[in-house]
N, C-alpha and C. Protein backbone atom coordinates (compact mmCIF):
# COMPACT_ATOMS: atom_id res chain seq x y z
N MET A 1 -13.35 7.96 -27.54
CA MET A 1 -13.12 7.49 -28.89
C MET A 1 -12.85 5.99 -28.85
N SER A 2 -13.59 5.20 -29.61
CA SER A 2 -13.41 3.75 -29.66
C SER A 2 -12.39 3.39 -30.73
N GLN A 3 -11.59 2.42 -30.45
CA GLN A 3 -10.58 1.98 -31.40
C GLN A 3 -11.16 0.93 -32.33
N VAL A 4 -10.65 0.92 -33.57
CA VAL A 4 -11.04 -0.12 -34.51
C VAL A 4 -10.15 -1.32 -34.23
N SER A 5 -10.75 -2.42 -33.85
CA SER A 5 -9.98 -3.65 -33.65
C SER A 5 -10.89 -4.82 -33.96
N GLY A 6 -10.37 -5.79 -34.65
CA GLY A 6 -11.15 -6.94 -35.04
C GLY A 6 -11.59 -6.85 -36.49
N GLU A 7 -12.16 -7.94 -36.94
CA GLU A 7 -12.59 -8.03 -38.33
C GLU A 7 -13.86 -7.21 -38.56
N GLU A 8 -13.89 -6.48 -39.67
CA GLU A 8 -15.07 -5.73 -40.07
C GLU A 8 -15.97 -6.63 -40.89
N VAL A 9 -17.18 -6.82 -40.42
CA VAL A 9 -18.17 -7.65 -41.12
C VAL A 9 -19.25 -6.71 -41.65
N PRO A 10 -19.38 -6.56 -42.97
CA PRO A 10 -20.42 -5.66 -43.50
C PRO A 10 -21.82 -6.11 -43.08
N LEU A 11 -22.64 -5.15 -42.70
CA LEU A 11 -24.03 -5.41 -42.36
C LEU A 11 -24.89 -4.86 -43.47
N GLU A 12 -25.83 -5.67 -43.91
CA GLU A 12 -26.70 -5.24 -45.00
C GLU A 12 -27.84 -4.40 -44.44
N GLY A 13 -28.22 -3.41 -45.20
CA GLY A 13 -29.33 -2.57 -44.80
C GLY A 13 -30.01 -2.04 -46.04
N ASN A 14 -31.11 -1.35 -45.84
CA ASN A 14 -31.84 -0.85 -47.00
C ASN A 14 -31.54 0.62 -47.31
N VAL A 15 -30.65 1.26 -46.51
CA VAL A 15 -30.38 2.67 -46.78
C VAL A 15 -28.89 2.98 -46.73
N THR A 16 -28.25 2.78 -45.62
CA THR A 16 -26.89 3.26 -45.39
C THR A 16 -25.83 2.24 -45.82
N ASN A 17 -24.93 2.68 -46.69
CA ASN A 17 -23.78 1.86 -47.06
C ASN A 17 -22.67 2.07 -46.04
N GLY A 18 -21.78 1.11 -45.91
CA GLY A 18 -20.63 1.26 -45.04
C GLY A 18 -20.87 0.90 -43.60
N VAL A 19 -22.00 0.28 -43.27
CA VAL A 19 -22.26 -0.13 -41.89
C VAL A 19 -21.61 -1.50 -41.68
N VAL A 20 -20.78 -1.60 -40.63
CA VAL A 20 -20.07 -2.84 -40.35
C VAL A 20 -20.20 -3.21 -38.88
N ARG A 21 -19.98 -4.49 -38.61
CA ARG A 21 -19.91 -4.98 -37.23
C ARG A 21 -18.44 -5.27 -36.93
N ILE A 22 -18.01 -4.83 -35.77
CA ILE A 22 -16.69 -5.19 -35.25
C ILE A 22 -16.92 -5.66 -33.82
N GLY A 23 -16.77 -6.96 -33.59
CA GLY A 23 -17.04 -7.50 -32.25
C GLY A 23 -18.46 -7.25 -31.82
N ASP A 24 -18.61 -6.59 -30.68
CA ASP A 24 -19.96 -6.32 -30.17
C ASP A 24 -20.39 -4.87 -30.44
N THR A 25 -19.81 -4.28 -31.50
CA THR A 25 -20.18 -2.91 -31.89
C THR A 25 -20.58 -2.85 -33.36
N VAL A 26 -21.32 -1.80 -33.68
CA VAL A 26 -21.67 -1.47 -35.06
C VAL A 26 -21.02 -0.13 -35.36
N ARG A 27 -20.42 -0.02 -36.53
CA ARG A 27 -19.81 1.24 -36.96
C ARG A 27 -20.58 1.73 -38.18
N ARG A 28 -20.99 3.01 -38.11
CA ARG A 28 -21.76 3.63 -39.19
C ARG A 28 -21.06 4.92 -39.60
N PRO A 29 -21.14 5.26 -40.88
CA PRO A 29 -20.60 6.56 -41.27
C PRO A 29 -21.30 7.67 -40.47
N ALA A 30 -20.52 8.57 -39.91
CA ALA A 30 -21.10 9.69 -39.16
C ALA A 30 -21.75 10.66 -40.13
N MET A 31 -22.89 11.17 -39.73
CA MET A 31 -23.66 12.13 -40.52
C MET A 31 -23.91 13.37 -39.67
N PRO A 32 -24.39 14.46 -40.26
CA PRO A 32 -24.65 15.66 -39.46
C PRO A 32 -25.61 15.43 -38.29
N TRP A 33 -26.52 14.46 -38.41
CA TRP A 33 -27.50 14.19 -37.36
C TRP A 33 -27.01 13.17 -36.34
N SER A 34 -25.85 12.57 -36.54
CA SER A 34 -25.35 11.54 -35.62
C SER A 34 -25.25 12.03 -34.17
N PRO A 35 -24.73 13.24 -33.89
CA PRO A 35 -24.70 13.70 -32.50
C PRO A 35 -26.09 13.82 -31.87
N SER A 36 -27.09 14.21 -32.65
CA SER A 36 -28.46 14.29 -32.12
C SER A 36 -28.98 12.90 -31.79
N VAL A 37 -28.72 11.94 -32.68
CA VAL A 37 -29.12 10.55 -32.44
C VAL A 37 -28.41 10.01 -31.20
N ASP A 38 -27.10 10.31 -31.07
CA ASP A 38 -26.35 9.86 -29.89
C ASP A 38 -26.98 10.40 -28.61
N ALA A 39 -27.38 11.67 -28.62
CA ALA A 39 -28.01 12.27 -27.44
C ALA A 39 -29.32 11.55 -27.11
N LEU A 40 -30.11 11.23 -28.14
CA LEU A 40 -31.36 10.51 -27.92
C LEU A 40 -31.09 9.12 -27.33
N LEU A 41 -30.13 8.40 -27.91
CA LEU A 41 -29.81 7.05 -27.41
C LEU A 41 -29.26 7.11 -25.99
N ALA A 42 -28.46 8.12 -25.67
CA ALA A 42 -27.94 8.28 -24.30
C ALA A 42 -29.10 8.55 -23.33
N HIS A 43 -30.07 9.35 -23.77
CA HIS A 43 -31.26 9.60 -22.95
C HIS A 43 -32.01 8.29 -22.69
N PHE A 44 -32.19 7.50 -23.74
CA PHE A 44 -32.88 6.22 -23.57
C PHE A 44 -32.18 5.36 -22.53
N GLN A 45 -30.86 5.29 -22.60
CA GLN A 45 -30.12 4.49 -21.63
C GLN A 45 -30.32 5.06 -20.22
N ALA A 46 -30.29 6.37 -20.10
CA ALA A 46 -30.43 7.02 -18.78
C ALA A 46 -31.79 6.76 -18.15
N VAL A 47 -32.85 6.67 -18.97
CA VAL A 47 -34.20 6.47 -18.42
C VAL A 47 -34.62 4.99 -18.42
N GLY A 48 -33.71 4.10 -18.80
CA GLY A 48 -33.98 2.67 -18.70
C GLY A 48 -34.68 2.03 -19.89
N PHE A 49 -34.74 2.74 -21.02
CA PHE A 49 -35.31 2.12 -22.23
C PHE A 49 -34.20 1.31 -22.88
N LYS A 50 -34.31 -0.01 -22.82
CA LYS A 50 -33.24 -0.91 -23.25
C LYS A 50 -33.42 -1.45 -24.66
N GLU A 51 -34.50 -1.08 -25.34
CA GLU A 51 -34.81 -1.65 -26.65
C GLU A 51 -34.26 -0.80 -27.79
N ALA A 52 -33.13 -0.14 -27.55
CA ALA A 52 -32.42 0.64 -28.56
C ALA A 52 -30.92 0.43 -28.31
N PRO A 53 -30.10 0.55 -29.34
CA PRO A 53 -28.65 0.40 -29.11
C PRO A 53 -28.12 1.54 -28.25
N ARG A 54 -26.95 1.33 -27.67
CA ARG A 54 -26.28 2.38 -26.91
C ARG A 54 -25.30 3.12 -27.81
N ALA A 55 -25.22 4.42 -27.65
CA ALA A 55 -24.23 5.23 -28.36
C ALA A 55 -22.90 5.09 -27.62
N LEU A 56 -21.85 4.73 -28.35
CA LEU A 56 -20.54 4.48 -27.73
C LEU A 56 -19.45 5.44 -28.22
N GLY A 57 -19.84 6.51 -28.91
CA GLY A 57 -18.85 7.48 -29.36
C GLY A 57 -18.50 7.29 -30.83
N TYR A 58 -17.25 7.60 -31.16
CA TYR A 58 -16.77 7.56 -32.54
C TYR A 58 -15.41 6.90 -32.56
N ASP A 59 -15.12 6.15 -33.62
CA ASP A 59 -13.81 5.51 -33.70
C ASP A 59 -12.81 6.47 -34.34
N GLU A 60 -11.55 6.03 -34.46
CA GLU A 60 -10.51 6.92 -34.98
C GLU A 60 -10.68 7.28 -36.44
N THR A 61 -11.57 6.58 -37.14
CA THR A 61 -11.85 6.95 -38.54
C THR A 61 -13.06 7.88 -38.63
N GLY A 62 -13.65 8.23 -37.47
CA GLY A 62 -14.78 9.15 -37.43
C GLY A 62 -16.14 8.51 -37.55
N ARG A 63 -16.19 7.18 -37.55
CA ARG A 63 -17.48 6.50 -37.64
C ARG A 63 -18.21 6.50 -36.29
N GLN A 64 -19.52 6.59 -36.35
CA GLN A 64 -20.36 6.47 -35.16
C GLN A 64 -20.28 5.03 -34.67
N VAL A 65 -20.13 4.83 -33.37
CA VAL A 65 -20.03 3.50 -32.78
C VAL A 65 -21.25 3.27 -31.90
N LEU A 66 -21.94 2.16 -32.16
CA LEU A 66 -23.14 1.78 -31.41
C LEU A 66 -22.98 0.35 -30.91
N SER A 67 -23.71 -0.01 -29.86
CA SER A 67 -23.70 -1.39 -29.40
C SER A 67 -24.40 -2.26 -30.43
N PHE A 68 -23.93 -3.50 -30.57
CA PHE A 68 -24.53 -4.46 -31.49
C PHE A 68 -25.65 -5.20 -30.77
N ALA A 69 -26.80 -5.35 -31.41
CA ALA A 69 -27.93 -6.08 -30.85
C ALA A 69 -27.92 -7.50 -31.42
N GLU A 70 -27.77 -8.48 -30.55
CA GLU A 70 -27.83 -9.88 -30.98
C GLU A 70 -29.25 -10.25 -31.35
N GLY A 71 -29.40 -11.13 -32.34
CA GLY A 71 -30.71 -11.60 -32.74
C GLY A 71 -30.81 -11.66 -34.25
N PHE A 72 -32.02 -11.65 -34.76
CA PHE A 72 -32.23 -11.70 -36.20
C PHE A 72 -33.23 -10.64 -36.62
N VAL A 73 -33.14 -10.26 -37.88
CA VAL A 73 -34.05 -9.28 -38.47
C VAL A 73 -34.76 -9.98 -39.62
N ASP A 74 -36.08 -9.87 -39.65
CA ASP A 74 -36.86 -10.46 -40.72
C ASP A 74 -37.85 -9.42 -41.23
N PRO A 75 -37.68 -8.96 -42.48
CA PRO A 75 -38.59 -7.94 -42.99
C PRO A 75 -40.03 -8.42 -43.15
N ASP A 76 -40.25 -9.74 -43.10
CA ASP A 76 -41.60 -10.29 -43.21
C ASP A 76 -42.12 -10.55 -41.80
N PRO A 77 -43.13 -9.81 -41.35
CA PRO A 77 -43.63 -9.97 -39.98
C PRO A 77 -44.65 -11.08 -39.79
N SER A 78 -44.90 -11.89 -40.84
CA SER A 78 -45.99 -12.86 -40.76
C SER A 78 -45.77 -13.93 -39.69
N ASP A 79 -44.52 -14.15 -39.25
CA ASP A 79 -44.27 -15.15 -38.22
C ASP A 79 -44.55 -14.61 -36.81
N LEU A 80 -44.82 -13.32 -36.69
CA LEU A 80 -45.12 -12.74 -35.38
C LEU A 80 -46.56 -13.06 -35.00
N ASP A 81 -46.73 -13.83 -33.92
CA ASP A 81 -48.08 -14.15 -33.49
C ASP A 81 -48.64 -12.99 -32.65
N VAL A 82 -49.84 -13.16 -32.16
CA VAL A 82 -50.53 -12.10 -31.43
C VAL A 82 -49.69 -11.64 -30.24
N SER A 83 -49.08 -12.56 -29.51
CA SER A 83 -48.30 -12.15 -28.33
C SER A 83 -47.07 -11.34 -28.74
N ARG A 84 -46.46 -11.67 -29.86
CA ARG A 84 -45.28 -10.91 -30.31
C ARG A 84 -45.69 -9.54 -30.87
N ILE A 85 -46.83 -9.45 -31.56
CA ILE A 85 -47.32 -8.16 -32.02
C ILE A 85 -47.64 -7.28 -30.81
N THR A 86 -48.22 -7.88 -29.79
CA THR A 86 -48.49 -7.16 -28.55
C THR A 86 -47.18 -6.66 -27.94
N GLN A 87 -46.16 -7.50 -27.95
CA GLN A 87 -44.85 -7.11 -27.42
C GLN A 87 -44.26 -5.94 -28.22
N VAL A 88 -44.38 -5.98 -29.55
CA VAL A 88 -43.90 -4.87 -30.39
C VAL A 88 -44.61 -3.58 -29.97
N GLY A 89 -45.93 -3.64 -29.82
CA GLY A 89 -46.70 -2.46 -29.44
C GLY A 89 -46.28 -1.91 -28.09
N ARG A 90 -45.99 -2.80 -27.15
CA ARG A 90 -45.56 -2.34 -25.82
C ARG A 90 -44.18 -1.69 -25.87
N VAL A 91 -43.30 -2.24 -26.71
CA VAL A 91 -41.98 -1.61 -26.88
C VAL A 91 -42.15 -0.21 -27.46
N ILE A 92 -43.02 -0.07 -28.46
CA ILE A 92 -43.25 1.25 -29.06
C ILE A 92 -43.82 2.21 -28.01
N ARG A 93 -44.71 1.74 -27.17
CA ARG A 93 -45.27 2.59 -26.11
C ARG A 93 -44.16 3.05 -25.16
N ARG A 94 -43.30 2.13 -24.75
CA ARG A 94 -42.19 2.50 -23.86
C ARG A 94 -41.23 3.47 -24.55
N LEU A 95 -40.99 3.25 -25.84
CA LEU A 95 -40.13 4.15 -26.61
C LEU A 95 -40.70 5.57 -26.58
N HIS A 96 -41.97 5.69 -26.88
CA HIS A 96 -42.59 7.02 -26.89
C HIS A 96 -42.61 7.66 -25.50
N ASP A 97 -42.87 6.86 -24.48
CA ASP A 97 -42.85 7.39 -23.12
C ASP A 97 -41.44 7.88 -22.76
N ALA A 98 -40.42 7.12 -23.13
CA ALA A 98 -39.04 7.52 -22.86
C ALA A 98 -38.67 8.77 -23.64
N SER A 99 -39.10 8.85 -24.87
CA SER A 99 -38.79 10.00 -25.71
C SER A 99 -39.50 11.26 -25.24
N SER A 100 -40.63 11.11 -24.57
CA SER A 100 -41.41 12.29 -24.16
C SER A 100 -40.66 13.16 -23.15
N THR A 101 -39.65 12.62 -22.49
CA THR A 101 -38.87 13.41 -21.52
C THR A 101 -37.52 13.86 -22.08
N PHE A 102 -37.28 13.58 -23.35
CA PHE A 102 -36.01 13.95 -23.98
C PHE A 102 -36.03 15.42 -24.39
N VAL A 103 -34.97 16.12 -24.05
CA VAL A 103 -34.80 17.50 -24.48
C VAL A 103 -33.63 17.50 -25.48
N PRO A 104 -33.92 17.74 -26.76
CA PRO A 104 -32.85 17.71 -27.76
C PRO A 104 -31.76 18.74 -27.46
N PRO A 105 -30.53 18.42 -27.83
CA PRO A 105 -29.46 19.39 -27.62
C PRO A 105 -29.68 20.64 -28.47
N LEU A 106 -29.16 21.75 -28.00
CA LEU A 106 -29.25 23.00 -28.73
C LEU A 106 -28.64 22.81 -30.12
N GLY A 107 -29.34 23.21 -31.15
CA GLY A 107 -28.85 23.08 -32.52
C GLY A 107 -28.96 21.67 -33.09
N ALA A 108 -29.82 20.83 -32.48
CA ALA A 108 -29.99 19.45 -32.95
C ALA A 108 -30.34 19.43 -34.43
N ILE A 109 -29.75 18.48 -35.13
CA ILE A 109 -30.02 18.24 -36.55
C ILE A 109 -30.66 16.87 -36.67
N TRP A 110 -31.73 16.78 -37.43
CA TRP A 110 -32.43 15.51 -37.62
C TRP A 110 -32.54 15.21 -39.11
N ASN A 111 -32.72 13.95 -39.44
CA ASN A 111 -32.83 13.48 -40.82
C ASN A 111 -34.21 12.87 -41.04
N VAL A 112 -35.23 13.67 -40.97
CA VAL A 112 -36.60 13.18 -41.14
C VAL A 112 -36.93 13.19 -42.62
N ALA A 113 -37.21 12.01 -43.17
CA ALA A 113 -37.44 11.87 -44.62
C ALA A 113 -38.85 12.28 -45.03
N ILE A 114 -39.84 12.03 -44.18
CA ILE A 114 -41.23 12.35 -44.49
C ILE A 114 -41.76 13.27 -43.39
N ALA A 115 -42.28 14.41 -43.77
CA ALA A 115 -42.78 15.37 -42.79
C ALA A 115 -43.89 14.73 -41.95
N PRO A 116 -43.79 14.84 -40.61
CA PRO A 116 -44.81 14.26 -39.74
C PRO A 116 -46.04 15.17 -39.63
N ASP A 117 -47.09 14.64 -39.04
CA ASP A 117 -48.31 15.41 -38.83
C ASP A 117 -48.14 16.48 -37.75
N ARG A 118 -47.33 16.19 -36.73
CA ARG A 118 -47.05 17.12 -35.63
C ARG A 118 -45.63 16.87 -35.15
N GLU A 119 -45.16 17.73 -34.26
CA GLU A 119 -43.82 17.56 -33.69
C GLU A 119 -43.92 17.58 -32.17
N ASP A 120 -44.51 16.50 -31.61
CA ASP A 120 -44.75 16.40 -30.17
C ASP A 120 -43.56 15.85 -29.39
N LEU A 121 -42.78 14.99 -30.02
CA LEU A 121 -41.65 14.34 -29.37
C LEU A 121 -40.72 13.82 -30.48
N ILE A 122 -39.59 13.28 -30.08
CA ILE A 122 -38.67 12.70 -31.06
C ILE A 122 -39.08 11.25 -31.29
N CYS A 123 -39.34 10.91 -32.54
CA CYS A 123 -39.80 9.58 -32.93
C CYS A 123 -38.74 8.87 -33.77
N HIS A 124 -38.92 7.59 -33.95
CA HIS A 124 -38.01 6.77 -34.77
C HIS A 124 -38.21 7.05 -36.26
N HIS A 125 -39.44 7.14 -36.70
CA HIS A 125 -39.85 7.39 -38.08
C HIS A 125 -39.60 6.22 -39.04
N ASP A 126 -39.19 5.07 -38.53
CA ASP A 126 -38.99 3.89 -39.40
C ASP A 126 -39.18 2.62 -38.58
N LEU A 127 -40.21 2.61 -37.73
CA LEU A 127 -40.51 1.43 -36.91
C LEU A 127 -41.12 0.37 -37.81
N ALA A 128 -40.31 -0.58 -38.19
CA ALA A 128 -40.74 -1.61 -39.13
C ALA A 128 -39.97 -2.90 -38.87
N PRO A 129 -40.47 -4.02 -39.38
CA PRO A 129 -39.80 -5.30 -39.13
C PRO A 129 -38.32 -5.30 -39.55
N TRP A 130 -37.98 -4.56 -40.61
CA TRP A 130 -36.60 -4.55 -41.08
C TRP A 130 -35.67 -3.75 -40.16
N ASN A 131 -36.23 -3.09 -39.16
CA ASN A 131 -35.43 -2.37 -38.17
C ASN A 131 -35.63 -2.91 -36.76
N LEU A 132 -36.11 -4.14 -36.67
CA LEU A 132 -36.34 -4.76 -35.36
C LEU A 132 -35.48 -6.02 -35.25
N VAL A 133 -34.55 -6.01 -34.32
CA VAL A 133 -33.74 -7.20 -34.03
C VAL A 133 -34.48 -7.98 -32.96
N ARG A 134 -34.70 -9.27 -33.25
CA ARG A 134 -35.51 -10.09 -32.35
C ARG A 134 -34.74 -11.29 -31.82
N THR A 135 -35.03 -11.64 -30.58
CA THR A 135 -34.67 -12.93 -30.01
C THR A 135 -36.00 -13.50 -29.49
N PRO A 136 -36.01 -14.72 -28.96
CA PRO A 136 -37.27 -15.24 -28.42
C PRO A 136 -37.86 -14.38 -27.29
N THR A 137 -37.03 -13.60 -26.60
CA THR A 137 -37.54 -12.83 -25.46
C THR A 137 -37.33 -11.32 -25.58
N GLU A 138 -36.45 -10.86 -26.45
CA GLU A 138 -36.12 -9.44 -26.50
C GLU A 138 -36.33 -8.87 -27.90
N MET A 139 -36.52 -7.55 -27.94
CA MET A 139 -36.66 -6.82 -29.20
C MET A 139 -35.86 -5.53 -29.08
N THR A 140 -35.14 -5.18 -30.14
CA THR A 140 -34.36 -3.94 -30.17
C THR A 140 -34.60 -3.25 -31.49
N PHE A 141 -35.04 -1.99 -31.43
CA PHE A 141 -35.17 -1.21 -32.65
C PHE A 141 -33.83 -0.58 -33.00
N ILE A 142 -33.40 -0.76 -34.24
CA ILE A 142 -32.13 -0.23 -34.72
C ILE A 142 -32.39 0.82 -35.80
N ASP A 143 -31.32 1.35 -36.36
CA ASP A 143 -31.37 2.33 -37.46
C ASP A 143 -32.14 3.58 -37.07
N TRP A 144 -31.57 4.33 -36.15
CA TRP A 144 -32.18 5.55 -35.63
C TRP A 144 -31.81 6.77 -36.46
N ASP A 145 -31.20 6.57 -37.63
CA ASP A 145 -30.72 7.71 -38.42
C ASP A 145 -31.83 8.57 -39.00
N ASN A 146 -33.07 8.11 -39.02
CA ASN A 146 -34.19 8.94 -39.50
C ASN A 146 -35.04 9.48 -38.36
N SER A 147 -34.56 9.34 -37.13
CA SER A 147 -35.34 9.84 -36.01
C SER A 147 -35.38 11.36 -36.02
N GLY A 148 -36.42 11.89 -35.40
CA GLY A 148 -36.58 13.33 -35.34
C GLY A 148 -37.96 13.70 -34.84
N PRO A 149 -38.29 14.98 -34.86
CA PRO A 149 -39.59 15.42 -34.37
C PRO A 149 -40.74 14.75 -35.11
N GLY A 150 -41.76 14.36 -34.35
CA GLY A 150 -42.94 13.71 -34.91
C GLY A 150 -43.99 13.51 -33.85
N SER A 151 -44.89 12.57 -34.10
CA SER A 151 -45.95 12.29 -33.13
C SER A 151 -46.08 10.79 -32.91
N ARG A 152 -46.63 10.44 -31.77
CA ARG A 152 -46.90 9.03 -31.48
C ARG A 152 -47.77 8.43 -32.58
N LEU A 153 -48.80 9.17 -32.99
CA LEU A 153 -49.73 8.68 -34.01
C LEU A 153 -49.01 8.36 -35.31
N TRP A 154 -48.14 9.26 -35.78
CA TRP A 154 -47.42 9.03 -37.03
C TRP A 154 -46.54 7.79 -36.92
N ASP A 155 -45.79 7.70 -35.83
CA ASP A 155 -44.89 6.56 -35.62
C ASP A 155 -45.68 5.25 -35.54
N LEU A 156 -46.80 5.28 -34.82
CA LEU A 156 -47.61 4.08 -34.66
C LEU A 156 -48.26 3.67 -35.99
N ALA A 157 -48.72 4.64 -36.77
CA ALA A 157 -49.31 4.33 -38.07
C ALA A 157 -48.27 3.70 -38.99
N TYR A 158 -47.06 4.24 -38.98
CA TYR A 158 -45.99 3.66 -39.80
C TYR A 158 -45.68 2.23 -39.34
N ALA A 159 -45.64 2.03 -38.02
CA ALA A 159 -45.39 0.69 -37.49
C ALA A 159 -46.50 -0.28 -37.90
N ALA A 160 -47.74 0.15 -37.84
CA ALA A 160 -48.86 -0.71 -38.25
C ALA A 160 -48.72 -1.10 -39.72
N HIS A 161 -48.32 -0.14 -40.54
CA HIS A 161 -48.14 -0.43 -41.96
C HIS A 161 -47.14 -1.57 -42.17
N GLY A 162 -46.06 -1.58 -41.40
CA GLY A 162 -45.04 -2.60 -41.56
C GLY A 162 -45.32 -3.89 -40.82
N PHE A 163 -45.87 -3.80 -39.61
CA PHE A 163 -46.03 -4.98 -38.77
C PHE A 163 -47.34 -5.71 -38.98
N VAL A 164 -48.39 -5.05 -39.47
CA VAL A 164 -49.66 -5.76 -39.65
C VAL A 164 -49.53 -6.79 -40.78
N PRO A 165 -49.00 -6.60 -41.91
CA PRO A 165 -48.68 -5.39 -42.65
C PRO A 165 -49.88 -4.92 -43.46
N LEU A 166 -49.86 -3.64 -43.79
CA LEU A 166 -50.94 -3.03 -44.55
C LEU A 166 -50.47 -2.75 -45.97
N SER A 167 -50.35 -3.79 -46.76
CA SER A 167 -49.96 -3.63 -48.16
C SER A 167 -50.68 -4.69 -48.98
N PRO A 168 -50.91 -4.40 -50.27
CA PRO A 168 -51.67 -5.33 -51.11
C PRO A 168 -51.02 -6.69 -51.28
N ASP A 169 -49.70 -6.75 -51.15
CA ASP A 169 -49.01 -8.03 -51.34
C ASP A 169 -48.66 -8.72 -50.02
N ALA A 170 -49.35 -8.36 -48.94
CA ALA A 170 -49.08 -8.94 -47.62
C ALA A 170 -49.29 -10.45 -47.65
N SER A 171 -48.48 -11.15 -46.87
CA SER A 171 -48.53 -12.61 -46.85
C SER A 171 -49.48 -13.15 -45.79
N ILE A 172 -50.39 -12.32 -45.29
CA ILE A 172 -51.38 -12.77 -44.30
C ILE A 172 -52.78 -12.43 -44.82
N SER A 173 -53.77 -13.12 -44.27
CA SER A 173 -55.15 -12.90 -44.71
C SER A 173 -55.67 -11.55 -44.19
N ASP A 174 -56.73 -11.07 -44.82
CA ASP A 174 -57.35 -9.82 -44.38
C ASP A 174 -57.87 -9.96 -42.95
N GLU A 175 -58.38 -11.14 -42.60
CA GLU A 175 -58.90 -11.36 -41.25
C GLU A 175 -57.78 -11.24 -40.21
N VAL A 176 -56.64 -11.88 -40.48
CA VAL A 176 -55.51 -11.80 -39.56
C VAL A 176 -54.98 -10.37 -39.50
N ALA A 177 -54.91 -9.70 -40.65
CA ALA A 177 -54.46 -8.31 -40.68
C ALA A 177 -55.38 -7.44 -39.82
N GLY A 178 -56.67 -7.67 -39.89
CA GLY A 178 -57.62 -6.91 -39.08
C GLY A 178 -57.41 -7.13 -37.59
N GLN A 179 -57.17 -8.39 -37.20
CA GLN A 179 -56.91 -8.69 -35.80
C GLN A 179 -55.63 -8.01 -35.32
N ARG A 180 -54.59 -8.07 -36.15
CA ARG A 180 -53.31 -7.45 -35.78
C ARG A 180 -53.43 -5.94 -35.69
N LEU A 181 -54.19 -5.35 -36.59
CA LEU A 181 -54.38 -3.90 -36.57
C LEU A 181 -55.15 -3.48 -35.31
N THR A 182 -56.13 -4.27 -34.91
CA THR A 182 -56.88 -3.98 -33.69
C THR A 182 -55.97 -3.99 -32.48
N ILE A 183 -55.09 -4.97 -32.42
CA ILE A 183 -54.13 -5.06 -31.31
C ILE A 183 -53.23 -3.84 -31.33
N ALA A 184 -52.65 -3.52 -32.48
CA ALA A 184 -51.72 -2.39 -32.59
C ALA A 184 -52.40 -1.09 -32.22
N GLY A 185 -53.64 -0.92 -32.63
CA GLY A 185 -54.35 0.33 -32.37
C GLY A 185 -54.69 0.56 -30.92
N ASN A 186 -54.66 -0.47 -30.12
CA ASN A 186 -55.03 -0.33 -28.71
C ASN A 186 -53.84 -0.26 -27.77
N LEU A 187 -52.61 -0.33 -28.29
CA LEU A 187 -51.45 -0.43 -27.41
C LEU A 187 -50.80 0.89 -27.06
N ASP A 188 -51.01 1.92 -27.81
CA ASP A 188 -50.28 3.16 -27.54
C ASP A 188 -51.21 4.28 -27.06
N ASP A 189 -52.33 3.90 -26.45
CA ASP A 189 -53.26 4.92 -25.93
C ASP A 189 -52.67 5.61 -24.73
């Protein structure tokens, strides 16, 4: 059990209220799926996948405690050049490879918002720029609260939608979007 000490700094997000930073930790309201997410994050740490936060238990108020990822989050991926898009794709490939050996705990509960095409492995289900903490050399996917059974294809398609991006109001040209989509489509084979 982690103790609450230090100033609570609210972290903004697009879904969960009550997420705060205290020192080098993040505290989130515990949900029924939090133990399943903790098991997944512990598995990632055990197999050497470093691009996800570490599960650190629960504080005395019952909040889930995770390691804080230093860096910045930008929901607009247009500043990511070809090498950074390639890096995102490689991180997703390593994530899926690490997840492929995960055995969920008995009675695991997941919070999957959109039904996947298949249930081959445990996926993030929200791989998008707004859930990627970046530094010049490292990337960490955060917000694992929607993880659950899915497929590499579903996760990769969702990532392409956000990182290419594939939306009518995208801030990049169709030509650049096509190049980025080609890169993304070839990284998780």
